């Protein structure tokens, strides 16, 4: 696991967090480590929703790998990507039963390709992963050839979903050391920055503007309740009640793709995973 040297200060409504408390109750001032089973929500959906601070919301595999659709697929549940195309753009399949995350509109289906294999489709649009993506959190396939794009909630054949305004302001430029504001709602995370530099100290102020408790975890992209290790040995995690805030001071050591996430209940599959990058 990538290691992160961090000076960790967690303050929720001016009360210290009891990170080690296993029996923390809702609305209490104690935090719950994300690595404990109680802190990791259910993951029953076939595909998940993720958030790019620069590209908006998109679908991914449960492991965080981006899913794509192509304008070349014009007939429902039928793929035009075969041969060499299917090597670069790998048809994504899944086992039954199939389902979307709660409150995500649309329909999933499985259809049989020309070679006899199965492929998953969203609203009739075949779904693919991109062979050149580095892994979870990577979205290199978006806009390739002018025909490929990230699959997003609300997409229809020939009618892309209305783009969601970017939730970050750095647009890929590493944020200088200092303060970064983060907010959490049902069901997304917004951050003033999503690109950070190694060796720089950041002070994250995280506010829960939603109506239910959420967690805040910094972890490798695609992870589930696996917060990065710190110099103190524990992951940097807090559970934040509605209307409350937490402050996290951290210095990144290793570059790579990471995420801000919440794993409470079905937060993660519904979209509370924000891609961040450390360079």
Protein backbone atom coordinates (compact mmCIF):
# COMPACT_ATOMS: atom_id res chain seq x y z
CA UNK A 1 0.00 0.00 0.00
CA UNK A 2 1.22 3.46 -0.81
CA UNK A 3 2.38 5.30 2.26
CA UNK A 4 1.49 8.78 3.27
CA UNK A 5 3.42 10.77 5.84
CA UNK A 6 0.90 12.88 7.65
CA UNK A 7 0.47 15.23 10.54
CA UNK A 8 -3.11 14.43 11.47
CA UNK A 9 -5.35 16.77 13.40
CA UNK A 10 -9.05 15.92 13.52
CA UNK A 11 -11.40 18.41 15.14
CA UNK A 12 -15.17 18.06 15.05
CA UNK A 13 -17.01 20.93 16.68
CA UNK A 14 -13.90 21.60 18.78
CA UNK A 15 -13.98 18.09 20.31
CA UNK A 16 -11.08 15.63 19.75
CA UNK A 17 -11.96 12.51 17.81
CA UNK A 18 -11.58 9.18 19.57
CA UNK A 19 -10.29 7.37 16.47
CA UNK A 20 -9.76 4.10 18.26
CA UNK A 21 -13.29 3.91 19.62
CA UNK A 22 -14.97 0.83 18.15
CA UNK A 23 -18.32 1.60 19.80
CA UNK A 24 -18.77 5.15 18.54
CA UNK A 25 -22.45 5.96 18.12
CA UNK A 26 -24.15 8.20 15.54
CA UNK A 27 -23.92 11.92 16.34
CA UNK A 28 -21.19 11.25 18.89
CA UNK A 29 -17.91 13.13 18.78
CA UNK A 30 -15.86 9.93 18.39
CA UNK A 31 -14.61 8.80 15.00
CA UNK A 32 -14.88 5.32 13.54
CA UNK A 33 -11.92 3.86 11.60
CA UNK A 34 -12.95 3.08 8.03
CA UNK A 35 -11.12 -0.23 8.11
CA UNK A 36 -13.64 -1.66 10.60
CA UNK A 37 -16.58 -3.64 9.16
CA UNK A 38 -19.05 -1.24 10.78
CA UNK A 39 -17.64 1.63 8.74
CA UNK A 40 -17.80 0.00 5.32
CA UNK A 41 -21.18 0.22 3.62
CA UNK A 42 -22.83 -2.40 1.45
CA UNK A 43 -21.70 -2.77 -2.15
CA UNK A 44 -24.51 -4.59 -3.95
CA UNK A 45 -24.65 -2.61 -7.19
CA UNK A 46 -23.21 -3.97 -10.45
CA UNK A 47 -21.65 -0.63 -11.40
CA UNK A 48 -20.83 2.35 -9.20
CA UNK A 49 -20.93 6.12 -9.62
CA UNK A 50 -17.73 8.12 -9.21
CA UNK A 51 -16.88 11.80 -9.44
CA UNK A 52 -14.16 13.55 -11.38
CA UNK A 53 -13.55 17.08 -10.18
CA UNK A 54 -12.91 18.14 -13.77
CA UNK A 55 -15.20 15.82 -15.79
CA UNK A 56 -18.19 15.30 -13.50
CA UNK A 57 -19.99 12.10 -12.48
CA UNK A 58 -19.41 8.83 -14.32
CA UNK A 59 -19.91 5.09 -14.01
CA UNK A 60 -17.17 2.71 -12.96
CA UNK A 61 -16.72 -0.94 -12.15
CA UNK A 62 -16.97 -1.77 -8.43
CA UNK A 63 -13.14 -1.63 -8.43
CA UNK A 64 -13.17 1.98 -9.63
CA UNK A 65 -12.22 1.41 -13.28
CA UNK A 66 -13.91 3.92 -15.59
CA UNK A 67 -16.67 2.74 -17.94
CA UNK A 68 -17.19 4.23 -21.40
CA UNK A 69 -19.75 4.37 -24.18
CA UNK A 70 -19.24 5.18 -27.85
CA UNK A 71 -21.25 7.16 -30.36
CA UNK A 72 -20.66 4.26 -32.76
CA UNK A 73 -23.20 2.14 -30.88
CA UNK A 74 -26.54 3.32 -32.26
CA UNK A 75 -28.72 0.24 -31.72
CA UNK A 76 -29.77 -0.77 -28.21
CA UNK A 77 -27.93 -3.79 -26.79
CA UNK A 78 -25.74 -4.17 -29.86
CA UNK A 79 -22.01 -3.45 -30.03
CA UNK A 80 -20.22 -2.03 -33.07
CA UNK A 81 -16.83 -2.52 -31.39
CA UNK A 82 -15.31 -5.83 -32.53
CA UNK A 83 -11.91 -7.16 -33.54
CA UNK A 84 -9.03 -4.79 -32.73
CA UNK A 85 -11.51 -2.29 -31.30
CA UNK A 86 -12.52 -4.77 -28.60
CA UNK A 87 -8.86 -5.16 -27.63
CA UNK A 88 -8.46 -1.45 -26.88
CA UNK A 89 -12.01 -1.05 -25.60
CA UNK A 90 -12.77 -4.13 -23.53
CA UNK A 91 -16.46 -5.09 -23.36
CA UNK A 92 -17.56 -5.10 -19.72
CA UNK A 93 -19.68 -7.95 -18.46
CA UNK A 94 -21.15 -8.93 -15.10
CA UNK A 95 -22.84 -11.77 -13.32
CA UNK A 96 -26.56 -11.77 -12.60
CA UNK A 97 -28.44 -10.40 -10.79
CA UNK A 98 -27.56 -6.93 -12.07
CA UNK A 99 -28.60 -3.65 -10.47
CA UNK A 100 -27.81 0.06 -10.36
CA UNK A 101 -26.96 1.91 -7.14
CA UNK A 102 -29.99 3.23 -5.21
CA UNK A 103 -31.69 6.29 -6.74
CA UNK A 104 -29.65 6.14 -9.96
CA UNK A 105 -32.03 6.33 -12.94
CA UNK A 106 -31.88 3.96 -15.87
CA UNK A 107 -31.86 0.26 -16.72
CA UNK A 108 -29.04 -2.29 -16.90
CA UNK A 109 -29.17 -5.20 -19.33
CA UNK A 110 -26.96 -8.04 -20.50
CA UNK A 111 -26.81 -8.91 -24.19
CA UNK A 112 -24.93 -11.49 -26.27
CA UNK A 113 -22.18 -10.21 -28.56
CA UNK A 114 -21.38 -11.65 -31.99
CA UNK A 115 -18.65 -13.85 -30.51
CA UNK A 116 -21.06 -15.35 -27.99
CA UNK A 117 -19.76 -13.47 -24.97
CA UNK A 118 -21.99 -11.25 -22.85
CA UNK A 119 -21.75 -7.50 -22.34
CA UNK A 120 -23.42 -5.13 -19.91
CA UNK A 121 -25.39 -2.15 -21.23
CA UNK A 122 -26.82 0.94 -19.53
CA UNK A 123 -30.05 2.19 -21.10
CA UNK A 124 -29.17 -0.03 -24.06
CA UNK A 125 -25.66 1.45 -24.46
CA UNK A 126 -22.86 -1.15 -24.31
CA UNK A 127 -20.27 -0.44 -21.60
CA UNK A 128 -16.50 -0.76 -22.04
CA UNK A 129 -13.28 -0.26 -20.12
CA UNK A 130 -10.27 1.34 -21.81
CA UNK A 131 -7.08 -0.69 -22.09
CA UNK A 132 -4.87 2.39 -21.77
CA UNK A 133 -6.32 3.55 -18.46
CA UNK A 134 -3.76 3.17 -15.70
CA UNK A 135 -6.34 1.75 -13.29
CA UNK A 136 -8.95 3.10 -10.88
CA UNK A 137 -9.30 6.88 -11.10
CA UNK A 138 -7.80 7.05 -14.60
CA UNK A 139 -10.04 8.51 -17.34
CA UNK A 140 -7.72 8.68 -20.35
CA UNK A 141 -10.39 7.25 -22.65
CA UNK A 142 -12.69 10.25 -22.39
CA UNK A 143 -13.00 12.03 -25.78
CA UNK A 144 -10.70 9.58 -27.60
CA UNK A 145 -11.42 9.79 -31.33
CA UNK A 146 -14.21 12.22 -30.66
CA UNK A 147 -16.59 9.29 -30.21
CA UNK A 148 -15.72 7.74 -26.85
CA UNK A 149 -16.81 9.28 -23.56
CA UNK A 150 -17.31 8.38 -19.94
CA UNK A 151 -20.62 6.65 -19.29
CA UNK A 152 -22.72 8.78 -16.96
CA UNK A 153 -26.03 8.50 -15.10
CA UNK A 154 -28.86 9.67 -17.36
CA UNK A 155 -27.16 8.80 -20.66
CA UNK A 156 -29.40 7.69 -23.52
CA UNK A 157 -28.46 6.36 -26.96
CA UNK A 158 -27.43 9.38 -28.99
CA UNK A 159 -28.24 11.75 -26.12
CA UNK A 160 -25.46 12.21 -23.53
CA UNK A 161 -26.50 13.15 -20.04
CA UNK A 162 -26.39 16.87 -19.26
CA UNK A 163 -22.82 17.53 -18.10
CA UNK A 164 -22.41 18.28 -14.42
CA UNK A 165 -20.39 21.41 -13.68
CA UNK A 166 -16.85 20.62 -12.47
CA UNK A 167 -16.63 20.47 -8.69
CA UNK A 168 -13.00 21.59 -8.43
CA UNK A 169 -11.22 24.74 -9.50
CA UNK A 170 -7.66 23.56 -10.07
CA UNK A 171 -8.49 21.80 -13.39
CA UNK A 172 -5.40 19.59 -13.16
CA UNK A 173 -2.92 22.17 -11.87
CA UNK A 174 -1.40 21.02 -8.55
CA UNK A 175 -2.68 23.05 -5.62
CA UNK A 176 -0.02 24.87 -3.63
CA UNK A 177 0.35 23.96 0.03
CA UNK A 178 -2.29 25.47 2.27
CA UNK A 179 -6.02 25.31 2.96
CA UNK A 180 -8.46 23.23 0.91
CA UNK A 181 -12.20 23.22 1.54
CA UNK A 182 -14.21 20.02 1.08
CA UNK A 183 -17.97 19.55 1.38
CA UNK A 184 -20.08 16.40 1.51
CA UNK A 185 -23.73 15.92 0.55
CA UNK A 186 -25.96 13.05 -0.56
CA UNK A 187 -24.32 11.68 -2.61
CA UNK A 188 -21.19 13.47 -3.73
CA UNK A 189 -18.03 15.11 -2.44
CA UNK A 190 -16.85 18.51 -3.61
CA UNK A 191 -13.31 19.81 -3.17
CA UNK A 192 -11.68 23.11 -4.07
CA UNK A 193 -8.77 21.07 -5.43
CA UNK A 194 -8.26 17.55 -6.77
CA UNK A 195 -4.60 17.70 -7.80
CA UNK A 196 -1.93 17.87 -5.12
CA UNK A 197 1.87 17.86 -4.86
CA UNK A 198 4.08 15.50 -2.92
CA UNK A 199 5.89 17.11 -0.03
CA UNK A 200 3.34 19.92 0.38
CA UNK A 201 1.29 20.24 3.56
CA UNK A 202 -2.46 20.64 3.09
CA UNK A 203 -5.11 21.58 5.62
CA UNK A 204 -8.43 20.04 4.58
CA UNK A 205 -11.57 21.47 6.16
CA UNK A 206 -14.37 18.97 5.55
CA UNK A 207 -17.99 20.00 6.18
CA UNK A 208 -21.00 17.70 6.06
CA UNK A 209 -23.74 19.73 4.37
CA UNK A 210 -25.98 16.68 4.00
CA UNK A 211 -28.71 15.18 6.12
CA UNK A 212 -26.99 11.97 7.22
CA UNK A 213 -23.61 10.98 8.66
CA UNK A 214 -20.77 10.55 6.19
CA UNK A 215 -17.16 9.46 6.45
CA UNK A 216 -14.11 11.09 4.95
CA UNK A 217 -11.33 8.78 3.85
CA UNK A 218 -8.20 9.38 1.79
CA UNK A 219 -7.23 6.11 0.14
CA UNK A 220 -5.99 4.59 -3.11
CA UNK A 221 -8.44 5.04 -5.99
CA UNK A 222 -10.87 2.14 -6.11
CA UNK A 223 -10.22 1.04 -2.53
CA UNK A 224 -13.05 0.31 -0.13
CA UNK A 225 -12.40 1.37 3.44
CA UNK A 226 -8.61 1.10 3.07
CA UNK A 227 -7.32 4.48 4.26
CA UNK A 228 -3.71 5.30 3.60
CA UNK A 229 -1.27 4.61 6.39
CA UNK A 230 0.28 7.58 8.13
CA UNK A 231 3.48 8.04 10.05
CA UNK A 232 1.43 7.27 13.17
CA UNK A 233 0.32 3.95 11.69
CA UNK A 234 -3.40 4.70 11.54
CA UNK A 235 -5.50 5.69 8.52
CA UNK A 236 -6.75 9.26 8.35
CA UNK A 237 -10.50 8.89 8.73
CA UNK A 238 -13.40 10.67 10.41
CA UNK A 239 -17.15 10.26 10.60
CA UNK A 240 -18.91 13.61 10.37
CA UNK A 241 -22.47 14.27 11.53
CA UNK A 242 -24.77 16.62 9.59
CA UNK A 243 -23.75 20.22 10.05
CA UNK A 244 -20.40 19.33 11.60
CA UNK A 245 -16.87 19.84 10.29
CA UNK A 246 -13.48 18.20 10.62
CA UNK A 247 -9.96 19.43 9.91
CA UNK A 248 -7.32 17.13 8.48
CA UNK A 249 -3.70 18.18 8.01
CA UNK A 250 -1.76 15.90 5.69
CA UNK A 251 1.43 15.80 3.63
CA UNK A 252 1.42 13.47 0.62
CA UNK A 253 4.57 11.46 -0.01
CA UNK A 254 3.82 9.21 -2.98
CA UNK A 255 2.37 10.26 -6.34
CA UNK A 256 -0.56 8.42 -7.90
CA UNK A 257 -4.33 8.17 -8.14
CA UNK A 258 -6.21 8.42 -4.85
CA UNK A 259 -9.73 9.29 -3.73
CA UNK A 260 -11.74 11.13 -1.14
CA UNK A 261 -14.52 8.74 -0.18
CA UNK A 262 -17.28 7.82 2.23
CA UNK A 263 -18.13 4.18 2.84
CA UNK A 264 -21.07 4.68 5.18
CA UNK A 265 -24.16 2.72 4.07
CA UNK A 266 -24.35 2.94 0.24
CA UNK A 267 -22.49 6.28 0.00
CA UNK A 268 -19.65 4.86 -2.07
CA UNK A 269 -21.63 3.14 -4.81
CA UNK A 270 -23.99 6.11 -5.09
CA UNK A 271 -21.18 8.50 -5.95
CA UNK A 272 -19.26 9.55 -2.83
CA UNK A 273 -15.87 8.81 -4.37
CA UNK A 274 -13.99 11.82 -5.71
CA UNK A 275 -10.91 11.16 -7.83
CA UNK A 276 -7.78 13.03 -6.71
CA UNK A 277 -4.26 12.90 -8.08
CA UNK A 278 -0.91 13.46 -6.40
CA UNK A 279 2.01 14.47 -8.63
